[in-house]
Amino acid sequence: MPDVLRQNAPPVANDFLRSAGLSPDEIDLVRKLVGHTIAAVECGLICETLAWRGGNRTHAANVLGISIRALRNKLHLYKRMGVSLSEPSRGLLNGGRHGDVH
């Protein structure tokens, strides 16, 4: 978002974002999402969270605050749309063994 728009953001929006407990840096990140569809932002958030959790769908769903079924349904939709998703690691990260804590 250009600085002129950021500076001229309605005070209500600024107050709301601050009251949500967001830092100035987090508010800037939120503003960078303006102009993107919610569906695109959701897809990116889901894919990044899944990668961050090493492909573990249960952990990703917990972090996202959605059910595992909802996550699975979203992933199937993204696959049908042609979004490239790596397969879940099934608990094996970096050549680790079952039971390893990562």
PDB file of N, CA and C in Angstrom:
ATOM      1  N   MET A   1       0.848  -1.159   0.000  1.00  0.00           N
ATOM      2  CA  MET A   1       0.000   0.000   0.000  1.00  0.00           C
ATOM      3  C   MET A   1       0.900   1.229   0.000  1.00  0.00           C
ATOM      4  N   PRO A   2       0.663   2.154  -0.922  1.00  0.00           N
ATOM      5  CA  PRO A   2       1.477   3.373  -0.938  1.00  0.00           C
ATOM      6  C   PRO A   2       1.350   4.128   0.384  1.00  0.00           C
ATOM      7  N   ASP A   3       2.441   4.812   0.767  1.00  0.00           N
ATOM      8  CA  ASP A   3       2.451   5.538   2.038  1.00  0.00           C
ATOM      9  C   ASP A   3       1.319   6.544   2.142  1.00  0.00           C
ATOM     10  N   VAL A   4       0.984   7.194   1.022  1.00  0.00           N
ATOM     11  CA  VAL A   4      -0.081   8.197   1.071  1.00  0.00           C
ATOM     12  C   VAL A   4      -1.410   7.554   1.469  1.00  0.00           C
ATOM     13  N   LEU A   5      -1.670   6.335   0.993  1.00  0.00           N
ATOM     14  CA  LEU A   5      -2.899   5.638   1.373  1.00  0.00           C
ATOM     15  C   LEU A   5      -2.822   5.170   2.816  1.00  0.00           C
ATOM     16  N   ARG A   6      -1.668   4.673   3.220  1.00  0.00           N
ATOM     17  CA  ARG A   6      -1.496   4.194   4.587  1.00  0.00           C
ATOM     18  C   ARG A   6      -1.703   5.336   5.569  1.00  0.00           C
ATOM     19  N   GLN A   7      -1.166   6.502   5.241  1.00  0.00           N
ATOM     20  CA  GLN A   7      -1.293   7.657   6.124  1.00  0.00           C
ATOM     21  C   GLN A   7      -2.733   8.155   6.182  1.00  0.00           C
ATOM     22  N   ASN A   8      -3.471   7.960   5.100  1.00  0.00           N
ATOM     23  CA  ASN A   8      -4.840   8.453   5.031  1.00  0.00           C
ATOM     24  C   ASN A   8      -5.869   7.384   5.367  1.00  0.00           C
ATOM     25  N   ALA A   9      -5.431   6.275   5.946  1.00  0.00           N
ATOM     26  CA  ALA A   9      -6.368   5.219   6.343  1.00  0.00           C
ATOM     27  C   ALA A   9      -7.339   5.791   7.364  1.00  0.00           C
ATOM     28  N   PRO A  10      -8.602   5.411   7.264  1.00  0.00           N
ATOM     29  CA  PRO A  10      -9.588   5.930   8.212  1.00  0.00           C
ATOM     30  C   PRO A  10      -9.185   5.627   9.652  1.00  0.00           C
ATOM     31  N   PRO A  11      -9.355   6.592  10.548  1.00  0.00           N
ATOM     32  CA  PRO A  11      -8.990   6.370  11.953  1.00  0.00           C
ATOM     33  C   PRO A  11      -9.694   5.155  12.551  1.00  0.00           C
ATOM     34  N   VAL A  12     -10.905   4.882  12.115  1.00  0.00           N
ATOM     35  CA  VAL A  12     -11.635   3.730  12.640  1.00  0.00           C
ATOM     36  C   VAL A  12     -10.875   2.446  12.343  1.00  0.00           C
ATOM     37  N   ALA A  13     -10.342   2.325  11.114  1.00  0.00           N
ATOM     38  CA  ALA A  13      -9.581   1.128  10.746  1.00  0.00           C
ATOM     39  C   ALA A  13      -8.328   1.020  11.591  1.00  0.00           C
ATOM     40  N   ASN A  14      -7.629   2.135  11.765  1.00  0.00           N
ATOM     41  CA  ASN A  14      -6.408   2.117  12.583  1.00  0.00           C
ATOM     42  C   ASN A  14      -6.734   1.731  14.023  1.00  0.00           C
ATOM     43  N   ASP A  15      -7.789   2.327  14.581  1.00  0.00           N
ATOM     44  CA  ASP A  15      -8.184   2.015  15.957  1.00  0.00           C
ATOM     45  C   ASP A  15      -8.572   0.556  16.097  1.00  0.00           C
ATOM     46  N   PHE A  16      -9.317   0.044  15.123  1.00  0.00           N
ATOM     47  CA  PHE A  16      -9.750  -1.349  15.184  1.00  0.00           C
ATOM     48  C   PHE A  16      -8.554  -2.294  15.148  1.00  0.00           C
ATOM     49  N   LEU A  17      -7.632  -2.044  14.246  1.00  0.00           N
ATOM     50  CA  LEU A  17      -6.465  -2.919  14.130  1.00  0.00           C
ATOM     51  C   LEU A  17      -5.603  -2.863  15.391  1.00  0.00           C
ATOM     52  N   ARG A  18      -5.464  -1.678  15.966  1.00  0.00           N
ATOM     53  CA  ARG A  18      -4.706  -1.571  17.217  1.00  0.00           C
ATOM     54  C   ARG A  18      -5.431  -2.273  18.357  1.00  0.00           C
ATOM     55  N   SER A  19      -6.769  -2.141  18.394  1.00  0.00           N
ATOM     56  CA  SER A  19      -7.528  -2.779  19.475  1.00  0.00           C
ATOM     57  C   SER A  19      -7.512  -4.299  19.355  1.00  0.00           C
ATOM     58  N   ALA A  20      -7.226  -4.812  18.148  1.00  0.00           N
ATOM     59  CA  ALA A  20      -7.118  -6.260  17.949  1.00  0.00           C
ATOM     60  C   ALA A  20      -5.785  -6.782  18.480  1.00  0.00           C
ATOM     61  N   GLY A  21      -4.961  -5.878  18.996  1.00  0.00           N
ATOM     62  CA  GLY A  21      -3.688  -6.287  19.585  1.00  0.00           C
ATOM     63  C   GLY A  21      -2.564  -6.420  18.582  1.00  0.00           C
ATOM     64  N   LEU A  22      -2.741  -5.843  17.404  1.00  0.00           N
ATOM     65  CA  LEU A  22      -1.701  -5.945  16.382  1.00  0.00           C
ATOM     66  C   LEU A  22      -0.649  -4.857  16.569  1.00  0.00           C
ATOM     67  N   SER A  23       0.588  -5.242  16.367  1.00  0.00           N
ATOM     68  CA  SER A  23       1.688  -4.284  16.422  1.00  0.00           C
ATOM     69  C   SER A  23       1.671  -3.458  15.132  1.00  0.00           C
ATOM     70  N   PRO A  24       2.393  -2.335  15.112  1.00  0.00           N
ATOM     71  CA  PRO A  24       2.471  -1.550  13.862  1.00  0.00           C
ATOM     72  C   PRO A  24       2.985  -2.383  12.684  1.00  0.00           C
ATOM     73  N   ASP A  25       3.948  -3.270  12.925  1.00  0.00           N
ATOM     74  CA  ASP A  25       4.455  -4.121  11.841  1.00  0.00           C
ATOM     75  C   ASP A  25       3.380  -5.083  11.343  1.00  0.00           C
ATOM     76  N   GLU A  26       2.607  -5.640  12.283  1.00  0.00           N
ATOM     77  CA  GLU A  26       1.528  -6.556  11.891  1.00  0.00           C
ATOM     78  C   GLU A  26       0.432  -5.809  11.138  1.00  0.00           C
ATOM     79  N   ILE A  27       0.152  -4.588  11.540  1.00  0.00           N
ATOM     80  CA  ILE A  27      -0.837  -3.776  10.825  1.00  0.00           C
ATOM     81  C   ILE A  27      -0.373  -3.536   9.395  1.00  0.00           C
ATOM     82  N   ASP A  28       0.919  -3.254   9.211  1.00  0.00           N
ATOM     83  CA  ASP A  28       1.459  -3.089   7.852  1.00  0.00           C
ATOM     84  C   ASP A  28       1.304  -4.362   7.036  1.00  0.00           C
ATOM     85  N   LEU A  29       1.538  -5.517   7.669  1.00  0.00           N
ATOM     86  CA  LEU A  29       1.369  -6.792   6.955  1.00  0.00           C
ATOM     87  C   LEU A  29      -0.082  -7.004   6.536  1.00  0.00           C
ATOM     88  N   VAL A  30      -1.008  -6.679   7.428  1.00  0.00           N
ATOM     89  CA  VAL A  30      -2.431  -6.805   7.093  1.00  0.00           C
ATOM     90  C   VAL A  30      -2.762  -5.899   5.916  1.00  0.00           C
ATOM     91  N   ARG A  31      -2.251  -4.689   5.942  1.00  0.00           N
ATOM     92  CA  ARG A  31      -2.553  -3.734   4.866  1.00  0.00           C
ATOM     93  C   ARG A  31      -1.990  -4.191   3.519  1.00  0.00           C
ATOM     94  N   LYS A  32      -0.916  -4.972   3.547  1.00  0.00           N
ATOM     95  CA  LYS A  32      -0.354  -5.479   2.291  1.00  0.00           C
ATOM     96  C   LYS A  32      -1.276  -6.506   1.640  1.00  0.00           C
ATOM     97  N   LEU A  33      -2.208  -7.040   2.404  1.00  0.00           N
ATOM     98  CA  LEU A  33      -3.151  -8.015   1.858  1.00  0.00           C
ATOM     99  C   LEU A  33      -4.322  -7.356   1.142  1.00  0.00           C
ATOM    100  N   VAL A  34      -4.479  -6.052   1.353  1.00  0.00           N
ATOM    101  CA  VAL A  34      -5.574  -5.324   0.713  1.00  0.00           C
ATOM    102  C   VAL A  34      -5.426  -5.435  -0.802  1.00  0.00           C
ATOM    103  N   GLY A  35      -6.523  -5.751  -1.460  1.00  0.00           N
ATOM    104  CA  GLY A  35      -6.512  -5.916  -2.916  1.00  0.00           C
ATOM    105  C   GLY A  35      -6.454  -7.365  -3.344  1.00  0.00           C
ATOM    106  N   HIS A  36      -6.195  -8.260  -2.403  1.00  0.00           N
ATOM    107  CA  HIS A  36      -6.188  -9.694  -2.688  1.00  0.00           C
ATOM    108  C   HIS A  36      -7.525 -10.280  -2.234  1.00  0.00           C
ATOM    109  N   THR A  37      -7.968 -11.307  -2.902  1.00  0.00           N
ATOM    110  CA  THR A  37      -9.219 -11.943  -2.486  1.00  0.00           C
ATOM    111  C   THR A  37      -9.010 -12.710  -1.189  1.00  0.00           C
ATOM    112  N   ILE A  38     -10.076 -12.840  -0.432  1.00  0.00           N
ATOM    113  CA  ILE A  38     -10.004 -13.623   0.798  1.00  0.00           C
ATOM    114  C   ILE A  38      -9.621 -15.059   0.471  1.00  0.00           C
ATOM    115  N   ALA A  39     -10.137 -15.585  -0.634  1.00  0.00           N
ATOM    116  CA  ALA A  39      -9.819 -16.966  -1.025  1.00  0.00           C
ATOM    117  C   ALA A  39      -8.321 -17.133  -1.276  1.00  0.00           C
ATOM    118  N   ALA A  40      -7.707 -16.158  -1.935  1.00  0.00           N
ATOM    119  CA  ALA A  40      -6.275 -16.251  -2.224  1.00  0.00           C
ATOM    120  C   ALA A  40      -5.459 -16.144  -0.938  1.00  0.00           C
ATOM    121  N   VAL A  41      -5.871 -15.237  -0.041  1.00  0.00           N
ATOM    122  CA  VAL A  41      -5.161 -15.082   1.230  1.00  0.00           C
ATOM    123  C   VAL A  41      -5.309 -16.348   2.064  1.00  0.00           C
ATOM    124  N   GLU A  42      -6.526 -16.903   2.080  1.00  0.00           N
ATOM    125  CA  GLU A  42      -6.771 -18.133   2.840  1.00  0.00           C
ATOM    126  C   GLU A  42      -5.911 -19.280   2.305  1.00  0.00           C
ATOM    127  N   CYS A  43      -5.847 -19.419   1.000  1.00  0.00           N
ATOM    128  CA  CYS A  43      -5.052 -20.484   0.385  1.00  0.00           C
ATOM    129  C   CYS A  43      -3.584 -20.321   0.775  1.00  0.00           C
ATOM    130  N   GLY A  44      -3.064 -19.111   0.682  1.00  0.00           N
ATOM    131  CA  GLY A  44      -1.676 -18.874   1.054  1.00  0.00           C
ATOM    132  C   GLY A  44      -1.421 -19.166   2.520  1.00  0.00           C
ATOM    133  N   LEU A  45      -2.345 -18.746   3.382  1.00  0.00           N
ATOM    134  CA  LEU A  45      -2.187 -18.976   4.814  1.00  0.00           C
ATOM    135  C   LEU A  45      -2.208 -20.464   5.130  1.00  0.00           C
ATOM    136  N   ILE A  46      -3.129 -21.190   4.514  1.00  0.00           N
ATOM    137  CA  ILE A  46      -3.214 -22.635   4.740  1.00  0.00           C
ATOM    138  C   ILE A  46      -1.951 -23.336   4.238  1.00  0.00           C
ATOM    139  N   CYS A  47      -1.519 -23.014   3.039  1.00  0.00           N
ATOM    140  CA  CYS A  47      -0.338 -23.671   2.471  1.00  0.00           C
ATOM    141  C   CYS A  47       0.919 -23.357   3.281  1.00  0.00           C
ATOM    142  N   GLU A  48       1.083 -22.107   3.685  1.00  0.00           N
ATOM    143  CA  GLU A  48       2.260 -21.723   4.476  1.00  0.00           C
ATOM    144  C   GLU A  48       2.234 -22.375   5.857  1.00  0.00           C
ATOM    145  N   THR A  49       1.058 -22.437   6.469  1.00  0.00           N
ATOM    146  CA  THR A  49       0.954 -23.063   7.789  1.00  0.00           C
ATOM    147  C   THR A  49       1.238 -24.553   7.693  1.00  0.00           C
ATOM    148  N   LEU A  50       0.731 -25.192   6.658  1.00  0.00           N
ATOM    149  CA  LEU A  50       0.989 -26.617   6.466  1.00  0.00           C
ATOM    150  C   LEU A  50       2.487 -26.872   6.286  1.00  0.00           C
ATOM    151  N   ALA A  51       3.140 -26.028   5.490  1.00  0.00           N
ATOM    152  CA  ALA A  51       4.591 -26.178   5.297  1.00  0.00           C
ATOM    153  C   ALA A  51       5.331 -25.922   6.605  1.00  0.00           C
ATOM    154  N   TRP A  52       4.905 -24.911   7.362  1.00  0.00           N
ATOM    155  CA  TRP A  52       5.540 -24.563   8.640  1.00  0.00           C
ATOM    156  C   TRP A  52       5.431 -25.708   9.646  1.00  0.00           C
ATOM    157  N   ARG A  53       4.319 -26.450   9.567  1.00  0.00           N
ATOM    158  CA  ARG A  53       4.114 -27.583  10.471  1.00  0.00           C
ATOM    159  C   ARG A  53       4.641 -28.880   9.867  1.00  0.00           C
ATOM    160  N   GLY A  54       5.467 -28.791   8.844  1.00  0.00           N
ATOM    161  CA  GLY A  54       6.113 -29.957   8.259  1.00  0.00           C
ATOM    162  C   GLY A  54       5.149 -30.900   7.569  1.00  0.00           C
ATOM    163  N   GLY A  55       4.023 -30.372   7.073  1.00  0.00           N
ATOM    164  CA  GLY A  55       3.048 -31.204   6.382  1.00  0.00           C
ATOM    165  C   GLY A  55       2.077 -31.896   7.321  1.00  0.00           C
ATOM    166  N   ASN A  56       2.197 -31.665   8.619  1.00  0.00           N
ATOM    167  CA  ASN A  56       1.306 -32.319   9.578  1.00  0.00           C
ATOM    168  C   ASN A  56      -0.038 -31.608   9.576  1.00  0.00           C
ATOM    169  N   ARG A  57      -1.044 -32.260   9.011  1.00  0.00           N
ATOM    170  CA  ARG A  57      -2.366 -31.644   8.854  1.00  0.00           C
ATOM    171  C   ARG A  57      -3.056 -31.399  10.185  1.00  0.00           C
ATOM    172  N   THR A  58      -2.851 -32.289  11.139  1.00  0.00           N
ATOM    173  CA  THR A  58      -3.476 -32.116  12.457  1.00  0.00           C
ATOM    174  C   THR A  58      -2.934 -30.865  13.123  1.00  0.00           C
ATOM    175  N   HIS A  59      -1.625 -30.701  13.120  1.00  0.00           N
ATOM    176  CA  HIS A  59      -1.018 -29.514  13.734  1.00  0.00           C
ATOM    177  C   HIS A  59      -1.424 -28.253  12.990  1.00  0.00           C
ATOM    178  N   ALA A  60      -1.421 -28.307  11.650  1.00  0.00           N
ATOM    179  CA  ALA A  60      -1.799 -27.135  10.860  1.00  0.00           C
ATOM    180  C   ALA A  60      -3.246 -26.734  11.148  1.00  0.00           C
ATOM    181  N   ALA A  61      -4.145 -27.703  11.213  1.00  0.00           N
ATOM    182  CA  ALA A  61      -5.550 -27.407  11.500  1.00  0.00           C
ATOM    183  C   ALA A  61      -5.689 -26.765  12.874  1.00  0.00           C
ATOM    184  N   ASN A  62      -4.956 -27.272  13.851  1.00  0.00           N
ATOM    185  CA  ASN A  62      -5.003 -26.696  15.198  1.00  0.00           C
ATOM    186  C   ASN A  62      -4.515 -25.254  15.206  1.00  0.00           C
ATOM    187  N   VAL A  63      -3.412 -24.985  14.521  1.00  0.00           N
ATOM    188  CA  VAL A  63      -2.873 -23.627  14.451  1.00  0.00           C
ATOM    189  C   VAL A  63      -3.871 -22.694  13.773  1.00  0.00           C
ATOM    190  N   LEU A  64      -4.502 -23.185  12.714  1.00  0.00           N
ATOM    191  CA  LEU A  64      -5.451 -22.371  11.951  1.00  0.00           C
ATOM    192  C   LEU A  64      -6.802 -22.224  12.634  1.00  0.00           C
ATOM    193  N   GLY A  65      -7.068 -23.078  13.620  1.00  0.00           N
ATOM    194  CA  GLY A  65      -8.346 -23.014  14.324  1.00  0.00           C
ATOM    195  C   GLY A  65      -9.503 -23.582  13.518  1.00  0.00           C
ATOM    196  N   ILE A  66      -9.197 -24.563  12.668  1.00  0.00           N
ATOM    197  CA  ILE A  66     -10.233 -25.216  11.873  1.00  0.00           C
ATOM    198  C   ILE A  66     -10.159 -26.725  12.106  1.00  0.00           C
ATOM    199  N   SER A  67     -11.210 -27.421  11.721  1.00  0.00           N
ATOM    200  CA  SER A  67     -11.200 -28.874  11.893  1.00  0.00           C
ATOM    201  C   SER A  67     -10.291 -29.516  10.848  1.00  0.00           C
ATOM    202  N   ILE A  68      -9.854 -30.713  11.156  1.00  0.00           N
ATOM    203  CA  ILE A  68      -9.023 -31.458  10.204  1.00  0.00           C
ATOM    204  C   ILE A  68      -9.818 -31.722   8.930  1.00  0.00           C
ATOM    205  N   ARG A  69     -11.114 -31.991   9.081  1.00  0.00           N
ATOM    206  CA  ARG A  69     -11.966 -32.220   7.912  1.00  0.00           C
ATOM    207  C   ARG A  69     -12.028 -30.975   7.035  1.00  0.00           C
ATOM    208  N   ALA A  70     -12.184 -29.800   7.652  1.00  0.00           N
ATOM    209  CA  ALA A  70     -12.226 -28.557   6.874  1.00  0.00           C
ATOM    210  C   ALA A  70     -10.907 -28.351   6.136  1.00  0.00           C
ATOM    211  N   LEU A  71      -9.792 -28.619   6.810  1.00  0.00           N
ATOM    212  CA  LEU A  71      -8.491 -28.485   6.163  1.00  0.00           C
ATOM    213  C   LEU A  71      -8.369 -29.458   5.006  1.00  0.00           C
ATOM    214  N   ARG A  72      -8.755 -30.699   5.227  1.00  0.00           N
ATOM    215  CA  ARG A  72      -8.684 -31.699   4.157  1.00  0.00           C
ATOM    216  C   ARG A  72      -9.522 -31.270   2.958  1.00  0.00           C
ATOM    217  N   ASN A  73     -10.731 -30.772   3.212  1.00  0.00           N
ATOM    218  CA  ASN A  73     -11.598 -30.327   2.116  1.00  0.00           C
ATOM    219  C   ASN A  73     -10.978 -29.167   1.350  1.00  0.00           C
ATOM    220  N   LYS A  74     -10.359 -28.219   2.064  1.00  0.00           N
ATOM    221  CA  LYS A  74      -9.686 -27.096   1.396  1.00  0.00           C
ATOM    222  C   LYS A  74      -8.529 -27.611   0.538  1.00  0.00           C
ATOM    223  N   LEU A  75      -7.754 -28.541   1.078  1.00  0.00           N
ATOM    224  CA  LEU A  75      -6.611 -29.064   0.327  1.00  0.00           C
ATOM    225  C   LEU A  75      -7.057 -29.798  -0.929  1.00  0.00           C
ATOM    226  N   HIS A  76      -8.169 -30.542  -0.837  1.00  0.00           N
ATOM    227  CA  HIS A  76      -8.703 -31.211  -2.030  1.00  0.00           C
ATOM    228  C   HIS A  76      -9.149 -30.180  -3.068  1.00  0.00           C
ATOM    229  N   LEU A  77      -9.775 -29.098  -2.603  1.00  0.00           N
ATOM    230  CA  LEU A  77     -10.200 -28.031  -3.511  1.00  0.00           C
ATOM    231  C   LEU A  77      -8.992 -27.402  -4.193  1.00  0.00           C
ATOM    232  N   TYR A  78      -7.965 -27.104  -3.416  1.00  0.00           N
ATOM    233  CA  TYR A  78      -6.768 -26.479  -3.992  1.00  0.00           C
ATOM    234  C   TYR A  78      -6.122 -27.408  -5.020  1.00  0.00           C
ATOM    235  N   LYS A  79      -6.102 -28.693  -4.727  1.00  0.00           N
ATOM    236  CA  LYS A  79      -5.523 -29.661  -5.663  1.00  0.00           C
ATOM    237  C   LYS A  79      -6.304 -29.665  -6.976  1.00  0.00           C
ATOM    238  N   ARG A  80      -7.643 -29.635  -6.871  1.00  0.00           N
ATOM    239  CA  ARG A  80      -8.478 -29.597  -8.084  1.00  0.00           C
ATOM    240  C   ARG A  80      -8.261 -28.304  -8.865  1.00  0.00           C
ATOM    241  N   MET A  81      -7.911 -27.232  -8.165  1.00  0.00           N
ATOM    242  CA  MET A  81      -7.655 -25.937  -8.809  1.00  0.00           C
ATOM    243  C   MET A  81      -6.254 -25.873  -9.408  1.00  0.00           C
ATOM    244  N   GLY A  82      -5.436 -26.884  -9.136  1.00  0.00           N
ATOM    245  CA  GLY A  82      -4.094 -26.918  -9.697  1.00  0.00           C
ATOM    246  C   GLY A  82      -3.019 -26.325  -8.803  1.00  0.00           C
ATOM    247  N   VAL A  83      -3.361 -26.044  -7.543  1.00  0.00           N
ATOM    248  CA  VAL A  83      -2.361 -25.553  -6.607  1.00  0.00           C
ATOM    249  C   VAL A  83      -1.448 -26.704  -6.243  1.00  0.00           C
ATOM    250  N   SER A  84      -0.138 -26.490  -6.366  1.00  0.00           N
ATOM    251  CA  SER A  84       0.829 -27.546  -6.088  1.00  0.00           C
ATOM    252  C   SER A  84       1.103 -27.601  -4.592  1.00  0.00           C
ATOM    253  N   LEU A  85       0.770 -28.733  -4.001  1.00  0.00           N
ATOM    254  CA  LEU A  85       1.010 -28.956  -2.573  1.00  0.00           C
ATOM    255  C   LEU A  85       1.912 -30.168  -2.434  1.00  0.00           C
ATOM    256  N   SER A  86       2.921 -30.030  -1.583  1.00  0.00           N
ATOM    257  CA  SER A  86       3.756 -31.204  -1.329  1.00  0.00           C
ATOM    258  C   SER A  86       2.997 -32.152  -0.424  1.00  0.00           C
ATOM    259  N   GLU A  87       3.285 -33.411  -0.538  1.00  0.00           N
ATOM    260  CA  GLU A  87       2.611 -34.417   0.283  1.00  0.00           C
ATOM    261  C   GLU A  87       3.024 -34.255   1.738  1.00  0.00           C
ATOM    262  N   PRO A  88       2.119 -34.555   2.656  1.00  0.00           N
ATOM    263  CA  PRO A  88       2.475 -34.487   4.080  1.00  0.00           C
ATOM    264  C   PRO A  88       3.644 -35.402   4.378  1.00  0.00           C
ATOM    265  N   SER A  89       4.419 -35.013   5.367  1.00  0.00           N
ATOM    266  CA  SER A  89       5.638 -35.750   5.680  1.00  0.00           C
ATOM    267  C   SER A  89       5.373 -37.030   6.455  1.00  0.00           C
ATOM    268  N   ARG A  90       4.145 -37.193   6.960  1.00  0.00           N
ATOM    269  CA  ARG A  90       3.792 -38.369   7.761  1.00  0.00           C
ATOM    270  C   ARG A  90       4.701 -38.497   8.985  1.00  0.00           C
ATOM    271  N   GLY A  91       5.142 -37.329   9.500  1.00  0.00           N
ATOM    272  CA  GLY A  91       5.941 -37.339  10.718  1.00  0.00           C
ATOM    273  C   GLY A  91       7.422 -37.538  10.504  1.00  0.00           C
ATOM    274  N   LEU A  92       7.846 -37.659   9.283  1.00  0.00           N
ATOM    275  CA  LEU A  92       9.265 -37.885   9.014  1.00  0.00           C
ATOM    276  C   LEU A  92       9.861 -36.624   8.404  1.00  0.00           C
ATOM    277  N   LEU A  93      10.522 -35.847   9.230  1.00  0.00           N
ATOM    278  CA  LEU A  93      11.152 -34.622   8.763  1.00  0.00           C
ATOM    279  C   LEU A  93      12.657 -34.789   8.761  1.00  0.00           C
ATOM    280  N   ASN A  94      13.256 -34.308   7.710  1.00  0.00           N
ATOM    281  CA  ASN A  94      14.719 -34.313   7.617  1.00  0.00           C
ATOM    282  C   ASN A  94      15.306 -35.690   7.921  1.00  0.00           C
ATOM    283  N   GLY A  95      14.651 -36.735   7.442  1.00  0.00           N
ATOM    284  CA  GLY A  95      15.161 -38.086   7.646  1.00  0.00           C
ATOM    285  C   GLY A  95      14.964 -38.611   9.049  1.00  0.00           C
ATOM    286  N   GLY A  96      14.120 -37.937   9.826  1.00  0.00           N
ATOM    287  CA  GLY A  96      13.891 -38.365  11.202  1.00  0.00           C
ATOM    288  C   GLY A  96      13.147 -39.680  11.268  1.00  0.00           C
ATOM    289  N   ARG A  97      13.092 -40.246  12.471  1.00  0.00           N
ATOM    290  CA  ARG A  97      12.393 -41.500  12.678  1.00  0.00           C
ATOM    291  C   ARG A  97      11.072 -41.223  13.349  1.00  0.00           C
ATOM    292  N   HIS A  98      10.143 -42.202  13.250  1.00  0.00           N
ATOM    293  CA  HIS A  98       8.878 -42.060  13.964  1.00  0.00           C
ATOM    294  C   HIS A  98       9.172 -41.847  15.440  1.00  0.00           C
ATOM    295  N   GLY A  99       8.431 -40.946  16.056  1.00  0.00           N
ATOM    296  CA  GLY A  99       8.604 -40.678  17.472  1.00  0.00           C
ATOM    297  C   GLY A  99       9.555 -39.530  17.743  1.00  0.00           C
ATOM    298  N   ASP A 100      10.317 -39.092  16.711  1.00  0.00           N
ATOM    299  CA  ASP A 100      11.189 -37.953  16.910  1.00  0.00           C
ATOM    300  C   ASP A 100      10.342 -36.716  17.123  1.00  0.00           C
ATOM    301  N   VAL A 101      10.805 -35.827  17.957  1.00  0.00           N
ATOM    302  CA  VAL A 101      10.099 -34.575  18.199  1.00  0.00           C
ATOM    303  C   VAL A 101      10.783 -33.506  17.371  1.00  0.00           C
ATOM    304  N   HIS A 102       9.999 -32.786  16.598  1.00  0.00           N
ATOM    305  CA  HIS A 102      10.559 -31.728  15.746  1.00  0.00           C
ATOM    306  C   HIS A 102       9.955 -30.419  16.134  1.00  0.00           C
TER     307      HIS A 102
END
